PDB file of N, CA and C in Angstrom:
ATOM      1  N   MET A   1      38.344 108.619 129.470  1.00  0.00           N
ATOM      2  CA  MET A   1      37.157 109.352 130.217  1.00  0.00           C
ATOM      3  C   MET A   1      36.353 109.994 129.294  1.00  0.00           C
ATOM      4  N   SER A   2      35.260 109.487 128.763  1.00  0.00           N
ATOM      5  CA  SER A   2      34.572 110.232 127.737  1.00  0.00           C
ATOM      6  C   SER A   2      33.255 110.920 128.240  1.00  0.00           C
ATOM      7  N   ASP A   3      32.638 110.274 129.238  1.00  0.00           N
ATOM      8  CA  ASP A   3      31.571 111.009 129.949  1.00  0.00           C
ATOM      9  C   ASP A   3      31.900 112.260 130.849  1.00  0.00           C
ATOM     10  N   PRO A   4      31.488 113.487 130.760  1.00  0.00           N
ATOM     11  CA  PRO A   4      31.703 114.438 131.712  1.00  0.00           C
ATOM     12  C   PRO A   4      31.335 114.090 133.134  1.00  0.00           C
ATOM     13  N   ASP A   5      31.957 114.400 134.266  1.00  0.00           N
ATOM     14  CA  ASP A   5      31.400 114.224 135.650  1.00  0.00           C
ATOM     15  C   ASP A   5      30.683 115.342 135.969  1.00  0.00           C
ATOM     16  N   PRO A   6      29.376 115.210 136.175  1.00  0.00           N
ATOM     17  CA  PRO A   6      28.458 116.159 136.527  1.00  0.00           C
ATOM     18  C   PRO A   6      28.914 117.151 137.881  1.00  0.00           C
ATOM     19  N   PHE A   7      29.531 116.252 138.825  1.00  0.00           N
ATOM     20  CA  PHE A   7      30.073 116.983 140.062  1.00  0.00           C
ATOM     21  C   PHE A   7      31.180 118.005 139.773  1.00  0.00           C
ATOM     22  N   GLU A   8      31.942 117.457 138.744  1.00  0.00           N
ATOM     23  CA  GLU A   8      33.190 118.477 138.460  1.00  0.00           C
ATOM     24  C   GLU A   8      32.831 119.613 137.588  1.00  0.00           C
ATOM     25  N   GLU A   9      31.663 119.312 136.639  1.00  0.00           N
ATOM     26  CA  GLU A   9      31.225 120.453 135.942  1.00  0.00           C
ATOM     27  C   GLU A   9      30.680 121.642 136.956  1.00  0.00           C
ATOM     28  N   GLY A  10      29.954 120.891 137.849  1.00  0.00           N
ATOM     29  CA  GLY A  10      29.355 122.064 138.739  1.00  0.00           C
ATOM     30  C   GLY A  10      30.227 122.791 139.561  1.00  0.00           C
ATOM     31  N   GLN A  11      31.503 122.191 140.039  1.00  0.00           N
ATOM     32  CA  GLN A  11      32.430 122.834 140.662  1.00  0.00           C
ATOM     33  C   GLN A  11      33.186 123.956 139.762  1.00  0.00           C
ATOM     34  N   ARG A  12      33.469 123.548 138.334  1.00  0.00           N
ATOM     35  CA  ARG A  12      33.822 124.437 137.336  1.00  0.00           C
ATOM     36  C   ARG A  12      32.938 125.824 137.157  1.00  0.00           C
ATOM     37  N   ALA A  13      31.802 125.472 137.066  1.00  0.00           N
ATOM     38  CA  ALA A  13      30.698 126.400 136.983  1.00  0.00           C
ATOM     39  C   ALA A  13      30.846 127.366 138.106  1.00  0.00           C
ATOM     40  N   ALA A  14      30.724 126.997 139.486  1.00  0.00           N
ATOM     41  CA  ALA A  14      30.806 127.910 140.479  1.00  0.00           C
ATOM     42  C   ALA A  14      32.048 128.643 140.538  1.00  0.00           C
ATOM     43  N   ARG A  15      33.371 128.040 140.093  1.00  0.00           N
ATOM     44  CA  ARG A  15      34.640 128.741 140.101  1.00  0.00           C
ATOM     45  C   ARG A  15      34.392 129.910 139.007  1.00  0.00           C
ATOM     46  N   LYS A  16      33.616 129.851 137.923  1.00  0.00           N
ATOM     47  CA  LYS A  16      33.455 130.832 137.019  1.00  0.00           C
ATOM     48  C   LYS A  16      32.308 131.610 137.139  1.00  0.00           C
ATOM     49  N   ASN A  17      31.914 131.530 138.313  1.00  0.00           N
ATOM     50  CA  ASN A  17      30.448 132.368 138.858  1.00  0.00           C
ATOM     51  C   ASN A  17      29.450 132.193 137.979  1.00  0.00           C
ATOM     52  N   ILE A  18      29.114 130.920 137.532  1.00  0.00           N
ATOM     53  CA  ILE A  18      28.037 130.524 136.930  1.00  0.00           C
ATOM     54  C   ILE A  18      26.967 130.406 137.788  1.00  0.00           C
ATOM     55  N   PRO A  19      25.803 130.787 137.917  1.00  0.00           N
ATOM     56  CA  PRO A  19      24.896 130.530 138.999  1.00  0.00           C
ATOM     57  C   PRO A  19      24.230 129.237 139.018  1.00  0.00           C
ATOM     58  N   ALA A  20      23.721 128.620 140.187  1.00  0.00           N
ATOM     59  CA  ALA A  20      23.270 127.259 140.385  1.00  0.00           C
ATOM     60  C   ALA A  20      22.148 127.103 139.356  1.00  0.00           C
ATOM     61  N   ALA A  21      21.404 128.145 139.107  1.00  0.00           N
ATOM     62  CA  ALA A  21      20.157 128.030 138.268  1.00  0.00           C
ATOM     63  C   ALA A  21      20.511 127.702 136.862  1.00  0.00           C
ATOM     64  N   ALA A  22      21.822 127.688 136.534  1.00  0.00           N
ATOM     65  CA  ALA A  22      22.371 127.385 134.983  1.00  0.00           C
ATOM     66  C   ALA A  22      22.501 125.963 134.875  1.00  0.00           C
ATOM     67  N   ASN A  23      22.165 125.015 135.862  1.00  0.00           N
ATOM     68  CA  ASN A  23      22.472 123.692 135.851  1.00  0.00           C
ATOM     69  C   ASN A  23      21.834 123.048 134.717  1.00  0.00           C
ATOM     70  N   PRO A  24      22.595 122.460 133.835  1.00  0.00           N
ATOM     71  CA  PRO A  24      22.024 121.940 132.476  1.00  0.00           C
ATOM     72  C   PRO A  24      21.372 120.673 132.509  1.00  0.00           C
ATOM     73  N   TYR A  25      21.126 119.953 133.661  1.00  0.00           N
ATOM     74  CA  TYR A  25      20.590 118.750 133.725  1.00  0.00           C
ATOM     75  C   TYR A  25      19.232 118.800 134.082  1.00  0.00           C
ATOM     76  N   ARG A  26      18.519 117.833 133.726  1.00  0.00           N
ATOM     77  CA  ARG A  26      17.087 117.710 134.113  1.00  0.00           C
ATOM     78  C   ARG A  26      16.838 117.679 135.560  1.00  0.00           C
ATOM     79  N   ASP A  27      15.962 118.641 135.927  1.00  0.00           N
ATOM     80  CA  ASP A  27      15.703 118.761 137.502  1.00  0.00           C
ATOM     81  C   ASP A  27      15.234 117.198 137.977  1.00  0.00           C
ATOM     82  N   GLY A  28      15.568 116.608 139.143  1.00  0.00           N
ATOM     83  CA  GLY A  28      15.378 115.511 139.566  1.00  0.00           C
ATOM     84  C   GLY A  28      16.192 114.325 139.180  1.00  0.00           C
ATOM     85  N   SER A  29      17.017 114.691 137.911  1.00  0.00           N
ATOM     86  CA  SER A  29      18.032 113.637 137.705  1.00  0.00           C
ATOM     87  C   SER A  29      18.939 113.420 138.579  1.00  0.00           C
ATOM     88  N   GLU A  30      19.813 112.356 138.563  1.00  0.00           N
ATOM     89  CA  GLU A  30      20.928 112.110 139.352  1.00  0.00           C
ATOM     90  C   GLU A  30      22.024 113.003 138.960  1.00  0.00           C
ATOM     91  N   GLN A  31      22.244 113.309 137.690  1.00  0.00           N
ATOM     92  CA  GLN A  31      23.217 114.369 137.075  1.00  0.00           C
ATOM     93  C   GLN A  31      22.849 115.685 137.726  1.00  0.00           C
ATOM     94  N   HIS A  32      21.734 116.028 137.768  1.00  0.00           N
ATOM     95  CA  HIS A  32      21.319 117.333 138.170  1.00  0.00           C
ATOM     96  C   HIS A  32      21.761 117.371 139.719  1.00  0.00           C
ATOM     97  N   SER A  33      21.630 116.379 140.569  1.00  0.00           N
ATOM     98  CA  SER A  33      21.852 116.530 142.062  1.00  0.00           C
ATOM     99  C   SER A  33      23.382 116.565 142.111  1.00  0.00           C
ATOM    100  N   LEU A  34      24.149 115.679 141.310  1.00  0.00           N
ATOM    101  CA  LEU A  34      25.559 115.860 141.413  1.00  0.00           C
ATOM    102  C   LEU A  34      26.054 117.261 141.006  1.00  0.00           C
ATOM    103  N   TRP A  35      25.694 117.753 139.971  1.00  0.00           N
ATOM    104  CA  TRP A  35      26.024 119.060 139.546  1.00  0.00           C
ATOM    105  C   TRP A  35      25.952 120.053 140.462  1.00  0.00           C
ATOM    106  N   ALA A  36      24.707 119.889 141.135  1.00  0.00           N
ATOM    107  CA  ALA A  36      24.203 120.955 142.265  1.00  0.00           C
ATOM    108  C   ALA A  36      25.163 120.719 143.393  1.00  0.00           C
ATOM    109  N   ALA A  37      25.602 119.476 143.860  1.00  0.00           N
ATOM    110  CA  ALA A  37      26.314 119.277 144.903  1.00  0.00           C
ATOM    111  C   ALA A  37      27.735 119.768 144.595  1.00  0.00           C
ATOM    112  N   GLY A  38      28.293 119.569 143.353  1.00  0.00           N
ATOM    113  CA  GLY A  38      29.592 120.241 143.079  1.00  0.00           C
ATOM    114  C   GLY A  38      29.591 121.472 143.102  1.00  0.00           C
ATOM    115  N   HIS A  39      28.601 122.345 142.487  1.00  0.00           N
ATOM    116  CA  HIS A  39      28.492 123.588 142.537  1.00  0.00           C
ATOM    117  C   HIS A  39      28.363 124.393 143.981  1.00  0.00           C
ATOM    118  N   GLU A  40      27.766 123.622 144.800  1.00  0.00           N
ATOM    119  CA  GLU A  40      27.592 124.200 146.321  1.00  0.00           C
ATOM    120  C   GLU A  40      28.810 123.959 147.045  1.00  0.00           C
ATOM    121  N   SER A  41      29.682 122.726 146.812  1.00  0.00           N
ATOM    122  CA  SER A  41      30.918 122.560 147.372  1.00  0.00           C
ATOM    123  C   SER A  41      31.795 123.810 147.303  1.00  0.00           C
ATOM    124  N   VAL A  42      31.997 124.130 145.973  1.00  0.00           N
ATOM    125  CA  VAL A  42      32.904 125.289 145.636  1.00  0.00           C
ATOM    126  C   VAL A  42      32.220 126.508 146.090  1.00  0.00           C
ATOM    127  N   ALA A  43      30.966 126.861 145.839  1.00  0.00           N
ATOM    128  CA  ALA A  43      30.380 128.130 146.240  1.00  0.00           C
ATOM    129  C   ALA A  43      30.410 128.249 147.597  1.00  0.00           C
ATOM    130  N   GLY A  44      30.454 127.264 148.489  1.00  0.00           N
ATOM    131  CA  GLY A  44      30.330 127.254 149.986  1.00  0.00           C
ATOM    132  C   GLY A  44      31.886 127.743 150.575  1.00  0.00           C
ATOM    133  N   GLU A  45      32.815 127.105 149.628  1.00  0.00           N
ATOM    134  CA  GLU A  45      34.273 127.482 149.917  1.00  0.00           C
ATOM    135  C   GLU A  45      34.505 128.921 149.582  1.00  0.00           C
ATOM    136  N   ILE A  46      34.019 129.514 148.689  1.00  0.00           N
ATOM    137  CA  ILE A  46      34.367 130.648 148.142  1.00  0.00           C
ATOM    138  C   ILE A  46      33.610 131.741 149.141  1.00  0.00           C
ATOM    139  N   GLU A  47      32.456 131.365 149.596  1.00  0.00           N
ATOM    140  CA  GLU A  47      31.737 132.379 150.565  1.00  0.00           C
ATOM    141  C   GLU A  47      32.391 132.205 151.807  1.00  0.00           C
ATOM    142  N   ALA A  48      32.909 131.110 152.287  1.00  0.00           N
ATOM    143  CA  ALA A  48      33.776 131.007 153.581  1.00  0.00           C
ATOM    144  C   ALA A  48      35.056 131.702 153.488  1.00  0.00           C
ATOM    145  N   GLY A  49      35.618 131.825 152.346  1.00  0.00           N
ATOM    146  CA  GLY A  49      36.884 132.481 152.117  1.00  0.00           C
ATOM    147  C   GLY A  49      36.749 134.068 152.199  1.00  0.00           C
ATOM    148  N   GLU A  50      35.549 134.491 151.712  1.00  0.00           N
ATOM    149  CA  GLU A  50      35.148 135.947 151.457  1.00  0.00           C
ATOM    150  C   GLU A  50      34.960 136.375 152.999  1.00  0.00           C
ATOM    151  N   SER A  51      34.266 135.535 153.774  1.00  0.00           N
ATOM    152  CA  SER A  51      33.856 136.156 155.096  1.00  0.00           C
ATOM    153  C   SER A  51      34.968 135.989 156.057  1.00  0.00           C
ATOM    154  N   GLU A  52      36.011 135.266 155.859  1.00  0.00           N
ATOM    155  CA  GLU A  52      37.258 135.191 156.611  1.00  0.00           C
ATOM    156  C   GLU A  52      38.312 136.428 156.565  1.00  0.00           C
ATOM    157  N   ALA A  53      38.153 137.116 155.281  1.00  0.00           N
ATOM    158  CA  ALA A  53      38.807 138.317 155.356  1.00  0.00           C
ATOM    159  C   ALA A  53      40.188 138.292 155.971  1.00  0.00           C
ATOM    160  N   SER A  54      41.058 137.459 155.086  1.00  0.00           N
ATOM    161  CA  SER A  54      42.467 137.393 155.580  1.00  0.00           C
ATOM    162  C   SER A  54      43.203 138.403 155.686  1.00  0.00           C
TER     163      SER A  54
END
């Protein structure tokens, strides 16, 4: 597996509290969209977990 997966990179970035604006891919590219989707999937989980206050 030589090419990084933009979706997984976006997920890792969200877990490290890296903002979505730090997307390293060119805006409008497929990689940009995948990175953003990965970031949002984790960011949404984190927000949901914080609002549930276990």
